[in-house]
Amino acid sequence: MKIDQKLSNFVNQIAVDAGEEILKIYKKPFTSKMKKDKSPVTKADLIANDLICKRLQSINPKIQIISEEGKKKFSKKTNIFWLVDPLDGTKEFIKKNGEFTVNIALIKNCRPIYGVIYLPVKKEIYFTQNKSAYFSIIDHKNSYKTKKKIKVKKRTGINNRVLLLSRSHSRNIKLSKKHFKTDKAIFSGSSIKFCLIASGKGNIYPRLGTTMEWDTAAGHAILNAAGGSVTTLDRKVLKYGKKGFKNPSFIARS
C-alpha cells in the first residue's frame, strides 16, 4: 500500500479526531487503572483506540492493526501493518501537563514508511508525506493553519548540541550530559522528543531500557523523513515486528 497525499491526509485526520475525543475526557475529572504490565490506562486511551482502529480498518481491512490497547496477535506472513499508540504519554495525561500524543505509523518490511504524531492540547501535528516531514497547527475548523517542511539541525560543540530526555524515565542527568558532550537538555513526555529533533530543536534522544514499538514507530518515521535516524546501541537501524513488540535501548539522532 502506498501512502499518497490523499491517504496521508485521511490518516492525519484520524489522529486529530482521536485527539479531540481525548480532550473531552482530559477537560473533566477522570480515573485511571493499572494494566497487567503496571502501566496506567484511562477511558481516553480506550475511546481513542476504538476510533482509530475502526477508521484504519475502513482503509483496508486486510492490513493488520497492532495497538497498545488492542489485540497483539501478529501474523508473520504479512510484511505490512499499522502500529498505533492511541494515547502516548498516559502518565503525562494523568498529570495534566499536556505532554501526550496520538501516534499512528505504517510499517512495511520492518521499517516505518509513514507516521503521524498529534499533540491534542497544542493542536500541533507532525507527519510524513511524499518522503518528507511536515509540521502544522490545526485550527478550529480542523484544517491546516500552517504547513511547513521540517528538517533536523546538525549541531556540534558542547554549548550547541541539545539533549532530549524523558520526563518520566530520566535518571542520572549529569552522566547523560557528560556522555553526550552537551550542557543543554530538554525534558519532555511521550513521543514529542522525536518531533523536537525532527524540527531542529534538539539533537539526540537516548532511551535506555525497554520501550514498545508503538511508542517509537511514528516518531521514527517522522525523524527519518526529516533527515535523522534511530539506531540501537550497536548502531543498527531499529526494526519493527519483533517478538513481543519490545524495543531494545536506542538513540535517536539528528
C-alpha atoms as a PDB file:
ATOM      1  CA  MET A   1       0.000   0.000   0.000  1.00  0.00           C
ATOM      2  CA  LYS A   2       1.301   3.405  -0.977  1.00  0.00           C
ATOM      3  CA  ILE A   3       0.799   6.392   1.321  1.00  0.00           C
ATOM      4  CA  ASP A   4      -0.009   9.215  -1.090  1.00  0.00           C
ATOM      5  CA  GLN A   5      -1.089  12.727  -0.086  1.00  0.00           C
ATOM      6  CA  LYS A   6      -4.794  11.831  -0.017  1.00  0.00           C
ATOM      7  CA  LEU A   7      -4.277   8.826   2.259  1.00  0.00           C
ATOM      8  CA  SER A   8      -1.829  10.751   4.444  1.00  0.00           C
ATOM      9  CA  ASN A   9      -4.427  13.490   4.952  1.00  0.00           C
ATOM     10  CA  PHE A  10      -7.056  10.872   5.804  1.00  0.00           C
ATOM     11  CA  VAL A  11      -4.918   9.166   8.458  1.00  0.00           C
ATOM     12  CA  ASN A  12      -3.776  12.532   9.833  1.00  0.00           C
ATOM     13  CA  GLN A  13      -7.445  13.404  10.329  1.00  0.00           C
ATOM     14  CA  ILE A  14      -7.967  10.139  12.207  1.00  0.00           C
ATOM     15  CA  ALA A  15      -5.252  11.244  14.659  1.00  0.00           C
ATOM     16  CA  VAL A  16      -6.833  14.697  15.040  1.00  0.00           C
ATOM     17  CA  ASP A  17     -10.305  13.243  15.626  1.00  0.00           C
ATOM     18  CA  ALA A  18      -8.922  10.830  18.229  1.00  0.00           C
ATOM     19  CA  GLY A  19      -7.206  13.764  19.902  1.00  0.00           C
ATOM     20  CA  GLU A  20     -10.489  15.660  20.128  1.00  0.00           C
ATOM     21  CA  GLU A  21     -12.124  12.691  21.852  1.00  0.00           C
ATOM     22  CA  ILE A  22      -9.201  12.523  24.269  1.00  0.00           C
ATOM     23  CA  LEU A  23      -9.579  16.219  25.128  1.00  0.00           C
ATOM     24  CA  LYS A  24     -13.242  15.752  26.044  1.00  0.00           C
ATOM     25  CA  ILE A  25     -12.124  13.442  28.844  1.00  0.00           C
ATOM     26  CA  TYR A  26      -8.992  15.445  29.682  1.00  0.00           C
ATOM     27  CA  LYS A  27     -11.037  18.548  30.499  1.00  0.00           C
ATOM     28  CA  LYS A  28     -13.184  16.714  33.053  1.00  0.00           C
ATOM     29  CA  PRO A  29     -12.418  14.651  36.174  1.00  0.00           C
ATOM     30  CA  PHE A  30     -11.412  11.105  35.231  1.00  0.00           C
ATOM     31  CA  THR A  31      -9.954   7.985  36.811  1.00  0.00           C
ATOM     32  CA  SER A  32      -7.257   5.557  35.764  1.00  0.00           C
ATOM     33  CA  LYS A  33      -6.380   1.953  36.471  1.00  0.00           C
ATOM     34  CA  MET A  34      -3.279  -0.181  36.152  1.00  0.00           C
ATOM     35  CA  LYS A  35      -2.861  -2.812  33.455  1.00  0.00           C
ATOM     36  CA  LYS A  36      -1.059  -6.120  33.890  1.00  0.00           C
ATOM     37  CA  ASP A  37       2.215  -4.536  32.771  1.00  0.00           C
ATOM     38  CA  LYS A  38       1.786  -1.937  35.573  1.00  0.00           C
ATOM     39  CA  SER A  39       1.235   0.929  33.133  1.00  0.00           C
ATOM     40  CA  PRO A  40      -1.816   3.176  33.567  1.00  0.00           C
ATOM     41  CA  VAL A  41      -4.826   3.269  31.267  1.00  0.00           C
ATOM     42  CA  THR A  42      -7.792   5.643  31.151  1.00  0.00           C
ATOM     43  CA  LYS A  43     -11.117   5.831  29.354  1.00  0.00           C
ATOM     44  CA  ALA A  44      -9.449   8.221  26.902  1.00  0.00           C
ATOM     45  CA  ASP A  45      -6.942   5.530  25.818  1.00  0.00           C
ATOM     46  CA  LEU A  46      -9.751   3.109  25.037  1.00  0.00           C
ATOM     47  CA  ILE A  47     -12.066   5.534  23.243  1.00  0.00           C
ATOM     48  CA  ALA A  48      -9.221   6.825  21.067  1.00  0.00           C
ATOM     49  CA  ASN A  49      -8.126   3.271  20.293  1.00  0.00           C
ATOM     50  CA  ASP A  50     -11.622   2.278  19.183  1.00  0.00           C
ATOM     51  CA  LEU A  51     -11.939   5.298  16.880  1.00  0.00           C
ATOM     52  CA  ILE A  52      -8.504   4.850  15.305  1.00  0.00           C
ATOM     53  CA  CYS A  53      -8.818   1.108  14.690  1.00  0.00           C
ATOM     54  CA  LYS A  54     -12.266   1.372  13.124  1.00  0.00           C
ATOM     55  CA  ARG A  55     -11.126   4.148  10.769  1.00  0.00           C
ATOM     56  CA  LEU A  56      -7.929   2.338   9.777  1.00  0.00           C
ATOM     57  CA  GLN A  57      -9.887  -0.824   9.053  1.00  0.00           C
ATOM     58  CA  SER A  58     -12.071   1.168   6.655  1.00  0.00           C
ATOM     59  CA  ILE A  59      -8.977   1.868   4.530  1.00  0.00           C
ATOM     60  CA  ASN A  60      -8.085  -1.772   4.056  1.00  0.00           C
ATOM     61  CA  PRO A  61      -9.492  -4.426   6.426  1.00  0.00           C
ATOM     62  CA  LYS A  62      -6.772  -6.873   5.366  1.00  0.00           C
ATOM     63  CA  ILE A  63      -3.969  -4.792   6.882  1.00  0.00           C
ATOM     64  CA  GLN A  64      -3.317  -5.793  10.472  1.00  0.00           C
ATOM     65  CA  ILE A  65      -3.501  -3.225  13.270  1.00  0.00           C
ATOM     66  CA  ILE A  66      -1.226  -3.607  16.294  1.00  0.00           C
ATOM     67  CA  SER A  67      -2.179  -1.194  19.073  1.00  0.00           C
ATOM     68  CA  GLU A  68      -1.122  -0.747  22.674  1.00  0.00           C
ATOM     69  CA  GLU A  69      -4.755  -1.043  23.742  1.00  0.00           C
ATOM     70  CA  GLY A  70      -5.802  -3.679  21.191  1.00  0.00           C
ATOM     71  CA  LYS A  71      -5.083  -7.252  20.216  1.00  0.00           C
ATOM     72  CA  LYS A  72      -1.426  -8.077  19.658  1.00  0.00           C
ATOM     73  CA  LYS A  73      -1.628 -11.340  17.744  1.00  0.00           C
ATOM     74  CA  PHE A  74       0.715 -10.807  14.833  1.00  0.00           C
ATOM     75  CA  SER A  75       0.905 -12.795  11.628  1.00  0.00           C
ATOM     76  CA  LYS A  76       4.490 -13.162  10.453  1.00  0.00           C
ATOM     77  CA  LYS A  77       3.126 -13.793   6.970  1.00  0.00           C
ATOM     78  CA  THR A  78       2.398 -10.098   6.486  1.00  0.00           C
ATOM     79  CA  ASN A  79       5.044  -7.543   5.571  1.00  0.00           C
ATOM     80  CA  ILE A  80       2.837  -4.517   6.253  1.00  0.00           C
ATOM     81  CA  PHE A  81       0.884  -3.456   9.340  1.00  0.00           C
ATOM     82  CA  TRP A  82      -0.258  -0.439  11.344  1.00  0.00           C
ATOM     83  CA  LEU A  83       1.302   0.405  14.717  1.00  0.00           C
ATOM     84  CA  VAL A  84      -0.874   2.556  16.977  1.00  0.00           C
ATOM     85  CA  ASP A  85      -0.479   4.222  20.334  1.00  0.00           C
ATOM     86  CA  PRO A  86      -3.862   5.919  20.822  1.00  0.00           C
ATOM     87  CA  LEU A  87      -2.624   7.936  23.803  1.00  0.00           C
ATOM     88  CA  ASP A  88       1.140   8.015  24.160  1.00  0.00           C
ATOM     89  CA  GLY A  89       2.128   9.520  27.487  1.00  0.00           C
ATOM     90  CA  THR A  90      -0.767   8.375  29.672  1.00  0.00           C
ATOM     91  CA  LYS A  91       1.258   9.304  32.766  1.00  0.00           C
ATOM     92  CA  GLU A  92       1.525  12.880  31.470  1.00  0.00           C
ATOM     93  CA  PHE A  93      -2.186  12.825  30.596  1.00  0.00           C
ATOM     94  CA  ILE A  94      -2.985  11.891  34.193  1.00  0.00           C
ATOM     95  CA  LYS A  95      -0.662  14.648  35.472  1.00  0.00           C
ATOM     96  CA  LYS A  96      -2.464  17.059  33.119  1.00  0.00           C
ATOM     97  CA  ASN A  97       0.743  18.649  31.827  1.00  0.00           C
ATOM     98  CA  GLY A  98      -0.333  18.422  28.182  1.00  0.00           C
ATOM     99  CA  GLU A  99       2.614  16.272  27.059  1.00  0.00           C
ATOM    100  CA  PHE A 100       0.741  13.415  25.445  1.00  0.00           C
ATOM    101  CA  THR A 101       0.189  12.467  21.818  1.00  0.00           C
ATOM    102  CA  VAL A 102      -1.702  10.305  19.355  1.00  0.00           C
ATOM    103  CA  ASN A 103       0.689   8.093  17.341  1.00  0.00           C
ATOM    104  CA  ILE A 104      -0.080   6.201  14.133  1.00  0.00           C
ATOM    105  CA  ALA A 105       2.530   4.528  11.907  1.00  0.00           C
ATOM    106  CA  LEU A 106       2.566   2.189   8.946  1.00  0.00           C
ATOM    107  CA  ILE A 107       5.271  -0.481   8.891  1.00  0.00           C
ATOM    108  CA  LYS A 108       6.485  -2.215   5.738  1.00  0.00           C
ATOM    109  CA  ASN A 109       9.292  -4.763   5.644  1.00  0.00           C
ATOM    110  CA  CYS A 110      10.177  -3.993   9.279  1.00  0.00           C
ATOM    111  CA  ARG A 111      10.622  -0.241   8.597  1.00  0.00           C
ATOM    112  CA  PRO A 112       8.259   2.680   9.342  1.00  0.00           C
ATOM    113  CA  ILE A 113       7.191   4.194   6.000  1.00  0.00           C
ATOM    114  CA  TYR A 114       4.609   6.672   7.343  1.00  0.00           C
ATOM    115  CA  GLY A 115       3.980   8.331  10.686  1.00  0.00           C
ATOM    116  CA  VAL A 116       1.768  10.964  12.292  1.00  0.00           C
ATOM    117  CA  ILE A 117       2.020  12.400  15.803  1.00  0.00           C
ATOM    118  CA  TYR A 118      -0.718  14.738  17.037  1.00  0.00           C
ATOM    119  CA  LEU A 119      -0.484  16.868  20.191  1.00  0.00           C
ATOM    120  CA  PRO A 120      -4.137  17.495  21.188  1.00  0.00           C
ATOM    121  CA  VAL A 121      -3.533  20.256  23.765  1.00  0.00           C
ATOM    122  CA  LYS A 122      -1.364  22.359  21.437  1.00  0.00           C
ATOM    123  CA  LYS A 123      -3.203  21.243  18.284  1.00  0.00           C
ATOM    124  CA  GLU A 124       0.160  20.574  16.656  1.00  0.00           C
ATOM    125  CA  ILE A 125       0.663  17.805  14.136  1.00  0.00           C
ATOM    126  CA  TYR A 126       3.852  16.239  12.758  1.00  0.00           C
ATOM    127  CA  PHE A 127       3.620  13.849   9.829  1.00  0.00           C
ATOM    128  CA  THR A 128       5.311  12.350   6.800  1.00  0.00           C
ATOM    129  CA  GLN A 129       4.226  12.926   3.230  1.00  0.00           C
ATOM    130  CA  ASN A 130       5.995  12.173  -0.054  1.00  0.00           C
ATOM    131  CA  LYS A 131       9.192  11.147   1.791  1.00  0.00           C
ATOM    132  CA  SER A 132       9.380  14.487   3.662  1.00  0.00           C
ATOM    133  CA  ALA A 133       8.423  15.517   7.204  1.00  0.00           C
ATOM    134  CA  TYR A 134       5.991  18.320   7.981  1.00  0.00           C
ATOM    135  CA  PHE A 135       4.651  20.349  10.899  1.00  0.00           C
ATOM    136  CA  SER A 136       1.319  22.108  11.073  1.00  0.00           C
ATOM    137  CA  ILE A 137      -1.119  23.707  13.505  1.00  0.00           C
ATOM    138  CA  ILE A 138      -4.728  22.548  13.303  1.00  0.00           C
ATOM    139  CA  ASP A 139      -7.253  25.402  13.522  1.00  0.00           C
ATOM    140  CA  HIS A 140     -10.788  25.331  14.923  1.00  0.00           C
ATOM    141  CA  LYS A 141     -12.120  24.118  11.561  1.00  0.00           C
ATOM    142  CA  ASN A 142      -9.763  21.106  11.678  1.00  0.00           C
ATOM    143  CA  SER A 143      -7.779  22.405   8.718  1.00  0.00           C
ATOM    144  CA  TYR A 144      -4.049  23.076   8.430  1.00  0.00           C
ATOM    145  CA  LYS A 145      -3.385  26.641   9.576  1.00  0.00           C
ATOM    146  CA  THR A 146       0.250  26.325   8.622  1.00  0.00           C
ATOM    147  CA  LYS A 147       2.181  23.594   6.878  1.00  0.00           C
ATOM    148  CA  LYS A 148       5.926  23.676   6.681  1.00  0.00           C
ATOM    149  CA  LYS A 149       8.566  21.131   5.819  1.00  0.00           C
ATOM    150  CA  ILE A 150      10.882  20.327   8.722  1.00  0.00           C
ATOM    151  CA  LYS A 151      14.499  19.130   8.780  1.00  0.00           C
ATOM    152  CA  VAL A 152      16.891  18.137  11.506  1.00  0.00           C
ATOM    153  CA  LYS A 153      19.568  20.624  12.527  1.00  0.00           C
ATOM    154  CA  LYS A 154      23.103  19.366  12.968  1.00  0.00           C
ATOM    155  CA  ARG A 155      24.953  20.958  15.876  1.00  0.00           C
ATOM    156  CA  THR A 156      28.490  20.469  17.138  1.00  0.00           C
ATOM    157  CA  GLY A 157      30.139  21.588  20.343  1.00  0.00           C
ATOM    158  CA  ILE A 158      29.152  21.228  23.986  1.00  0.00           C
ATOM    159  CA  ASN A 159      27.345  24.576  24.045  1.00  0.00           C
ATOM    160  CA  ASN A 160      25.192  23.892  20.981  1.00  0.00           C
ATOM    161  CA  ARG A 161      24.120  20.256  20.989  1.00  0.00           C
ATOM    162  CA  VAL A 162      20.727  19.730  22.682  1.00  0.00           C
ATOM    163  CA  LEU A 163      19.948  16.527  24.577  1.00  0.00           C
ATOM    164  CA  LEU A 164      16.337  15.296  24.835  1.00  0.00           C
ATOM    165  CA  LEU A 165      15.406  13.347  27.961  1.00  0.00           C
ATOM    166  CA  SER A 166      12.254  11.617  29.116  1.00  0.00           C
ATOM    167  CA  ARG A 167      10.333  13.463  31.803  1.00  0.00           C
ATOM    168  CA  SER A 168       9.279  10.193  33.435  1.00  0.00           C
ATOM    169  CA  HIS A 169      12.310   7.936  32.869  1.00  0.00           C
ATOM    170  CA  SER A 170      15.464  10.061  33.120  1.00  0.00           C
ATOM    171  CA  ARG A 171      17.805   9.109  35.930  1.00  0.00           C
ATOM    172  CA  ASN A 172      21.406  10.369  36.023  1.00  0.00           C
ATOM    173  CA  ILE A 173      21.159  13.662  34.138  1.00  0.00           C
ATOM    174  CA  LYS A 174      24.743  14.753  34.794  1.00  0.00           C
ATOM    175  CA  LEU A 175      26.077  11.468  33.451  1.00  0.00           C
ATOM    176  CA  SER A 176      23.908  11.767  30.332  1.00  0.00           C
ATOM    177  CA  LYS A 177      25.158  15.295  29.639  1.00  0.00           C
ATOM    178  CA  LYS A 178      28.765  14.236  30.105  1.00  0.00           C
ATOM    179  CA  HIS A 179      28.422  11.156  27.910  1.00  0.00           C
ATOM    180  CA  PHE A 180      26.797  13.036  25.024  1.00  0.00           C
ATOM    181  CA  LYS A 181      29.041  16.093  25.464  1.00  0.00           C
ATOM    182  CA  THR A 182      26.435  18.788  25.988  1.00  0.00           C
ATOM    183  CA  ASP A 183      25.356  21.295  28.620  1.00  0.00           C
ATOM    184  CA  LYS A 184      21.824  21.676  27.266  1.00  0.00           C
ATOM    185  CA  ALA A 185      18.917  19.352  27.978  1.00  0.00           C
ATOM    186  CA  ILE A 186      15.183  19.477  27.327  1.00  0.00           C
ATOM    187  CA  PHE A 187      12.763  17.265  29.236  1.00  0.00           C
ATOM    188  CA  SER A 188       9.592  16.083  27.543  1.00  0.00           C
ATOM    189  CA  GLY A 189       6.970  13.364  27.726  1.00  0.00           C
ATOM    190  CA  SER A 190       5.742  10.857  25.140  1.00  0.00           C
ATOM    191  CA  SER A 191       6.948  10.880  21.522  1.00  0.00           C
ATOM    192  CA  ILE A 192       7.354  14.661  21.450  1.00  0.00           C
ATOM    193  CA  LYS A 193      11.115  14.171  21.745  1.00  0.00           C
ATOM    194  CA  PHE A 194      11.252  12.705  18.229  1.00  0.00           C
ATOM    195  CA  CYS A 195       9.342  15.740  16.942  1.00  0.00           C
ATOM    196  CA  LEU A 196      11.755  18.160  18.609  1.00  0.00           C
ATOM    197  CA  ILE A 197      14.720  16.523  16.888  1.00  0.00           C
ATOM    198  CA  ALA A 198      12.905  16.347  13.540  1.00  0.00           C
ATOM    199  CA  SER A 199      12.076  20.060  13.698  1.00  0.00           C
ATOM    200  CA  GLY A 200      15.629  21.083  14.599  1.00  0.00           C
ATOM    201  CA  LYS A 201      15.023  21.938  18.266  1.00  0.00           C
ATOM    202  CA  GLY A 202      17.041  19.030  19.641  1.00  0.00           C
ATOM    203  CA  ASN A 203      19.802  16.681  18.558  1.00  0.00           C
ATOM    204  CA  ILE A 204      19.926  13.453  20.495  1.00  0.00           C
ATOM    205  CA  TYR A 205      17.476  11.346  22.476  1.00  0.00           C
ATOM    206  CA  PRO A 206      18.930   8.291  24.231  1.00  0.00           C
ATOM    207  CA  ARG A 207      16.455   5.784  25.629  1.00  0.00           C
ATOM    208  CA  LEU A 208      17.865   3.040  27.796  1.00  0.00           C
ATOM    209  CA  GLY A 209      15.629   0.176  28.817  1.00  0.00           C
ATOM    210  CA  THR A 210      12.517  -1.263  27.232  1.00  0.00           C
ATOM    211  CA  THR A 211      10.042   0.657  25.117  1.00  0.00           C
ATOM    212  CA  MET A 212       7.364  -0.778  22.879  1.00  0.00           C
ATOM    213  CA  GLU A 213       7.224  -0.463  19.113  1.00  0.00           C
ATOM    214  CA  TRP A 214       4.047   1.646  19.185  1.00  0.00           C
ATOM    215  CA  ASP A 215       5.935   4.156  21.365  1.00  0.00           C
ATOM    216  CA  THR A 216       8.534   4.828  18.681  1.00  0.00           C
ATOM    217  CA  ALA A 217       7.267   3.906  15.201  1.00  0.00           C
ATOM    218  CA  ALA A 218       5.535   7.179  14.264  1.00  0.00           C
ATOM    219  CA  GLY A 219       8.376   9.294  15.661  1.00  0.00           C
ATOM    220  CA  HIS A 220      10.912   7.096  13.875  1.00  0.00           C
ATOM    221  CA  ALA A 221       9.139   7.617  10.529  1.00  0.00           C
ATOM    222  CA  ILE A 222       8.995  11.394  11.020  1.00  0.00           C
ATOM    223  CA  LEU A 223      12.617  11.620  12.111  1.00  0.00           C
ATOM    224  CA  ASN A 224      13.769   9.534   9.135  1.00  0.00           C
ATOM    225  CA  ALA A 225      11.866  11.799   6.745  1.00  0.00           C
ATOM    226  CA  ALA A 226      13.432  14.863   8.394  1.00  0.00           C
ATOM    227  CA  GLY A 227      16.962  13.509   7.881  1.00  0.00           C
ATOM    228  CA  GLY A 228      17.585  11.892  11.270  1.00  0.00           C
ATOM    229  CA  SER A 229      17.939   8.304  12.445  1.00  0.00           C
ATOM    230  CA  VAL A 230      17.004   5.861  15.193  1.00  0.00           C
ATOM    231  CA  THR A 231      19.511   3.121  15.918  1.00  0.00           C
ATOM    232  CA  THR A 232      20.203   0.540  18.597  1.00  0.00           C
ATOM    233  CA  LEU A 233      23.273   0.901  20.822  1.00  0.00           C
ATOM    234  CA  ASP A 234      25.289  -1.208  18.355  1.00  0.00           C
ATOM    235  CA  ARG A 235      24.402   1.248  15.553  1.00  0.00           C
ATOM    236  CA  LYS A 236      21.852  -0.992  13.814  1.00  0.00           C
ATOM    237  CA  VAL A 237      18.636   0.539  12.484  1.00  0.00           C
ATOM    238  CA  LEU A 238      15.717  -0.057  14.853  1.00  0.00           C
ATOM    239  CA  LYS A 239      13.342  -2.553  13.225  1.00  0.00           C
ATOM    240  CA  TYR A 240       9.666  -3.394  13.769  1.00  0.00           C
ATOM    241  CA  GLY A 241       7.612  -6.564  14.043  1.00  0.00           C
ATOM    242  CA  LYS A 242       9.874  -8.041  16.715  1.00  0.00           C
ATOM    243  CA  LYS A 243       8.720 -10.742  19.102  1.00  0.00           C
ATOM    244  CA  GLY A 244       6.562  -9.162  21.787  1.00  0.00           C
ATOM    245  CA  PHE A 245       6.940  -5.776  20.038  1.00  0.00           C
ATOM    246  CA  LYS A 246       9.649  -4.804  22.513  1.00  0.00           C
ATOM    247  CA  ASN A 247      12.414  -2.384  21.552  1.00  0.00           C
ATOM    248  CA  PRO A 248      15.970  -2.581  22.826  1.00  0.00           C
ATOM    249  CA  SER A 249      17.722   0.534  24.060  1.00  0.00           C
ATOM    250  CA  PHE A 250      18.114   3.050  21.254  1.00  0.00           C
ATOM    251  CA  ILE A 251      19.409   6.501  20.339  1.00  0.00           C
ATOM    252  CA  ALA A 252      17.506   8.937  18.113  1.00  0.00           C
ATOM    253  CA  ARG A 253      19.794  11.472  16.419  1.00  0.00           C
ATOM    254  CA  SER A 254      19.622  14.481  14.138  1.00  0.00           C
END
